[in-house]
Amino acid sequence: MKTAPLIGIARHRLTIDGEGVTTLVAFHGCPLRCKYCLNPTSLSPDGVWKSYDCSELYEEVRQDELYFLASCGGVTFGGGEPLLQTDFIRQFRQLCGSEWRITVETSLNVPLQNIEELITVVDNYIVDIKDMNTTTYQQYTGKNNENVLRNLHYLIEKDKAGQIIVRTPLIPSYNTDEDIDHSIELLKEMGINQFDRFTYKTPKND
C-alpha cells in the first residue's frame, strides 16, 4: 500500500477547496520554489506532520462521508504538489469509490504522465497558474511554465475545461492587475471560464 508524507489534514471546509463539504489533505513536497510560498512547511525537511498509507487515510477521512455525499463534496488533495503522488491518489480512489468528489489543488508543473495517470480519477482541478507570462512565472517560481501550459492544453483536449478553476493571483512586485487581465484573456481563448482572482498577502503588503 502506497505511503505518502502529509503536512496536515483539515476537515469540514465548505466551498473553499471545491464543491460541497471537503476535507483538505496536504502533501509534503513541491517542484516550485515560489518567492512567497503559501505553505512553506511543504518544503521544509522537518515539515512532515505524519505519513499515511491509503488505507489509513481513508479510515481517517471516511468519518465525514455523510457530509461528502449530502453536499457533493469529498477530498481535496493539496500541498505542496499533490500530482507528485499519483499512485497514492489512484489507490485512494479505489478505496473510496466513485461517489466522493476528488479535487486537486495543483500548479500543473509536473510531467504529463502524472496528469495522464489520473485523468479518470480526478473530478476537479484548482490550478494555481501564477501568471501566463513565462518570464514572470519563472522569476516568481524558479521554474519555467512549459509543463503547466502543456498539461493545461491536455486537460482541455480531454474535455476537462469545465472542471477547472484557475487561480490568477496578484503577486506584489511580480505582476499587475493588467497582467492578470491578460492572463485571463489568454485562458479564456483556450477554453477556461472559471477563475479565482485574489491578491497574495506578502511581507511587503501586510
Protein backbone atom coordinates (compact mmCIF):
# COMPACT_ATOMS: atom_id res chain seq x y z
CA MET A 1 0.00 0.00 0.00
CA LYS A 2 1.43 3.36 -1.08
CA THR A 3 2.58 5.70 1.72
CA ALA A 4 2.82 9.49 1.42
CA PRO A 5 4.08 12.29 3.72
CA LEU A 6 1.49 14.89 4.74
CA ILE A 7 1.74 18.36 6.24
CA GLY A 8 -1.82 18.30 7.54
CA ILE A 9 -5.50 17.37 7.22
CA ALA A 10 -8.29 19.97 7.53
CA ARG A 11 -11.92 18.84 7.87
CA HIS A 12 -15.28 20.49 7.22
CA ARG A 13 -14.16 23.01 4.62
CA LEU A 14 -17.23 24.42 2.89
CA THR A 15 -16.88 25.59 -0.75
CA ILE A 16 -13.24 26.59 -0.10
CA ASP A 17 -11.48 23.76 -1.93
CA GLY A 18 -14.16 22.70 -4.36
CA GLU A 19 -17.85 21.94 -4.27
CA GLY A 20 -19.65 20.98 -1.06
CA VAL A 21 -18.04 19.92 2.21
CA THR A 22 -14.44 18.85 1.72
CA THR A 23 -11.52 17.52 3.66
CA LEU A 24 -8.20 19.00 2.58
CA VAL A 25 -5.30 16.56 2.57
CA ALA A 26 -2.00 18.43 2.09
CA PHE A 27 1.07 16.58 0.83
CA HIS A 28 4.68 17.39 1.63
CA GLY A 29 6.88 18.22 -1.37
CA CYS A 30 6.70 20.69 -4.27
CA PRO A 31 8.66 21.21 -7.52
CA LEU A 32 8.43 25.01 -7.23
CA ARG A 33 10.32 27.47 -5.06
CA CYS A 34 7.96 30.42 -5.01
CA LYS A 35 9.25 33.67 -3.52
CA TYR A 36 6.24 33.92 -1.19
CA CYS A 37 5.39 30.27 -0.60
CA LEU A 38 1.93 29.95 0.93
CA ASN A 39 2.75 26.58 2.52
CA PRO A 40 6.48 26.65 3.38
CA THR A 41 6.01 23.62 5.62
CA SER A 42 5.65 21.57 2.44
CA LEU A 43 9.27 22.35 1.57
CA SER A 44 10.88 22.03 4.99
CA PRO A 45 12.85 18.81 5.68
CA ASP A 46 11.16 18.83 9.09
CA GLY A 47 7.74 19.68 7.66
CA VAL A 48 6.26 16.19 7.55
CA TRP A 49 3.41 16.04 10.05
CA LYS A 50 2.58 12.38 9.53
CA SER A 51 2.91 9.70 6.85
CA TYR A 52 -0.18 7.73 5.90
CA ASP A 53 -0.81 4.80 3.65
CA CYS A 54 -4.00 4.95 1.57
CA SER A 55 -5.95 2.69 3.89
CA GLU A 56 -5.04 4.74 6.97
CA LEU A 57 -6.01 7.98 5.27
CA TYR A 58 -9.29 6.51 4.05
CA GLU A 59 -10.21 5.42 7.57
CA GLU A 60 -9.27 8.88 8.85
CA VAL A 61 -11.44 10.86 6.43
CA ARG A 62 -14.39 8.50 5.94
CA GLN A 63 -15.89 9.76 9.21
CA ASP A 64 -17.20 12.66 7.11
CA GLU A 65 -18.65 10.53 4.32
CA LEU A 66 -22.22 11.57 5.10
CA TYR A 67 -21.25 15.22 4.64
CA PHE A 68 -19.48 14.40 1.37
CA LEU A 69 -22.45 12.53 -0.06
CA ALA A 70 -25.05 15.07 1.09
CA SER A 71 -23.17 18.04 -0.37
CA CYS A 72 -21.48 16.50 -3.44
CA GLY A 73 -18.19 17.09 -1.67
CA GLY A 74 -15.22 14.88 -0.97
CA VAL A 75 -11.47 15.03 -0.60
CA THR A 76 -9.25 17.79 -1.95
CA PHE A 77 -5.59 16.92 -2.30
CA GLY A 78 -3.27 19.90 -1.97
CA GLY A 79 0.17 20.59 -0.65
CA GLY A 80 2.79 21.09 -1.75
CA GLU A 81 2.05 19.43 -5.06
CA PRO A 82 -0.46 16.54 -4.97
CA LEU A 83 0.25 15.45 -8.55
CA LEU A 84 3.63 14.18 -7.38
CA GLN A 85 1.64 11.48 -5.56
CA THR A 86 -0.23 9.86 -8.44
CA ASP A 87 0.00 6.28 -7.18
CA PHE A 88 -1.33 7.29 -3.78
CA ILE A 89 -4.28 9.23 -5.22
CA ARG A 90 -5.16 6.43 -7.64
CA GLN A 91 -5.13 3.86 -4.82
CA PHE A 92 -7.19 6.16 -2.63
CA ARG A 93 -9.85 6.40 -5.35
CA GLN A 94 -10.06 2.61 -5.44
CA LEU A 95 -10.80 2.64 -1.71
CA CYS A 96 -13.31 5.49 -1.59
CA GLY A 97 -15.18 4.60 -4.78
CA SER A 98 -16.78 6.94 -7.27
CA GLU A 99 -19.24 8.82 -5.05
CA TRP A 100 -16.70 11.09 -3.36
CA ARG A 101 -15.52 14.05 -5.40
CA ILE A 102 -11.74 14.17 -5.68
CA THR A 103 -10.23 17.59 -6.35
CA VAL A 104 -6.57 18.52 -6.70
CA GLU A 105 -5.08 21.94 -5.95
CA THR A 106 -2.11 21.96 -8.27
CA SER A 107 0.44 24.06 -10.11
CA LEU A 108 0.28 21.54 -13.00
CA ASN A 109 4.08 21.85 -13.14
CA VAL A 110 4.60 18.09 -13.27
CA PRO A 111 5.36 15.59 -16.06
CA LEU A 112 2.48 14.95 -18.45
CA GLN A 113 2.49 11.31 -17.41
CA ASN A 114 1.30 12.34 -13.93
CA ILE A 115 -1.75 14.03 -15.46
CA GLU A 116 -2.46 11.11 -17.76
CA GLU A 117 -2.34 8.61 -14.89
CA LEU A 118 -5.09 10.45 -13.02
CA ILE A 119 -7.30 11.59 -15.91
CA THR A 120 -10.04 9.09 -14.93
CA VAL A 121 -9.51 9.60 -11.20
CA VAL A 122 -9.67 13.36 -10.56
CA ASP A 123 -13.05 15.14 -10.77
CA ASN A 124 -11.93 18.75 -10.45
CA TYR A 125 -8.76 20.80 -10.77
CA ILE A 126 -7.93 24.03 -8.96
CA VAL A 127 -4.90 25.29 -10.86
CA ASP A 128 -2.62 27.97 -9.41
CA ILE A 129 -1.37 29.42 -12.69
CA LYS A 130 0.60 32.30 -11.07
CA ASP A 131 0.86 34.24 -14.36
CA MET A 132 0.72 33.26 -18.02
CA ASN A 133 3.81 35.33 -18.78
CA THR A 134 6.77 32.95 -18.95
CA THR A 135 9.29 35.45 -17.56
CA THR A 136 7.08 36.47 -14.64
CA TYR A 137 6.33 32.84 -13.83
CA GLN A 138 9.99 31.85 -13.82
CA GLN A 139 11.06 34.85 -11.75
CA TYR A 140 8.45 34.01 -9.13
CA THR A 141 8.60 30.19 -9.03
CA GLY A 142 12.15 29.43 -10.12
CA LYS A 143 10.89 27.18 -12.94
CA ASN A 144 9.52 27.72 -16.43
CA ASN A 145 5.84 27.13 -17.22
CA GLU A 146 6.21 24.77 -20.17
CA ASN A 147 4.76 21.81 -18.22
CA VAL A 148 1.92 23.98 -16.94
CA LEU A 149 0.78 25.09 -20.39
CA ARG A 150 1.22 21.64 -21.95
CA ASN A 151 -0.75 19.97 -19.16
CA LEU A 152 -3.49 22.59 -19.29
CA HIS A 153 -3.84 22.05 -23.05
CA TYR A 154 -4.01 18.29 -22.45
CA LEU A 155 -6.82 18.62 -19.90
CA ILE A 156 -8.76 20.91 -22.22
CA GLU A 157 -8.32 18.43 -25.09
CA LYS A 158 -9.75 15.75 -22.78
CA ASP A 159 -12.90 17.88 -22.25
CA LYS A 160 -11.95 18.84 -18.69
CA ALA A 161 -12.20 22.64 -19.15
CA GLY A 162 -15.49 22.79 -17.25
CA GLN A 163 -13.86 21.02 -14.30
CA ILE A 164 -11.00 23.51 -13.97
CA ILE A 165 -10.83 26.63 -11.83
CA VAL A 166 -7.71 28.72 -12.47
CA ARG A 167 -6.31 30.90 -9.72
CA THR A 168 -4.91 34.14 -11.09
CA PRO A 169 -3.27 35.92 -8.15
CA LEU A 170 -1.95 39.44 -7.96
CA ILE A 171 1.57 38.95 -6.60
CA PRO A 172 3.02 42.24 -5.32
CA SER A 173 6.31 43.17 -7.03
CA TYR A 174 5.80 40.49 -9.68
CA ASN A 175 2.66 41.25 -11.69
CA THR A 176 -0.13 43.81 -12.04
CA ASP A 177 -3.90 43.87 -12.49
CA GLU A 178 -3.28 44.40 -16.20
CA ASP A 179 -1.11 41.26 -16.26
CA ILE A 180 -3.93 39.30 -14.65
CA ASP A 181 -6.43 40.66 -17.20
CA HIS A 182 -4.10 39.46 -19.95
CA SER A 183 -3.67 36.03 -18.36
CA ILE A 184 -7.44 35.62 -18.05
CA GLU A 185 -7.92 36.70 -21.66
CA LEU A 186 -5.43 34.06 -22.86
CA LEU A 187 -7.01 31.39 -20.68
CA LYS A 188 -10.48 32.20 -21.98
CA GLU A 189 -9.17 31.80 -25.53
CA MET A 190 -8.02 28.33 -24.51
CA GLY A 191 -11.49 27.47 -23.19
CA ILE A 192 -11.20 28.16 -19.45
CA ASN A 193 -14.10 30.10 -17.93
CA GLN A 194 -13.77 29.73 -14.14
CA PHE A 195 -11.30 31.96 -12.32
CA ASP A 196 -10.34 32.79 -8.75
CA ARG A 197 -8.82 36.25 -8.73
CA PHE A 198 -7.23 37.47 -5.48
CA THR A 199 -4.18 39.20 -4.01
CA TYR A 200 -1.37 37.40 -2.21
CA LYS A 201 -0.62 38.62 1.28
CA THR A 202 3.13 39.04 1.42
CA PRO A 203 5.57 40.58 3.90
CA LYS A 204 5.60 43.68 1.70
CA ASN A 205 1.84 44.27 1.71
CA ASP A 206 0.72 43.15 5.18
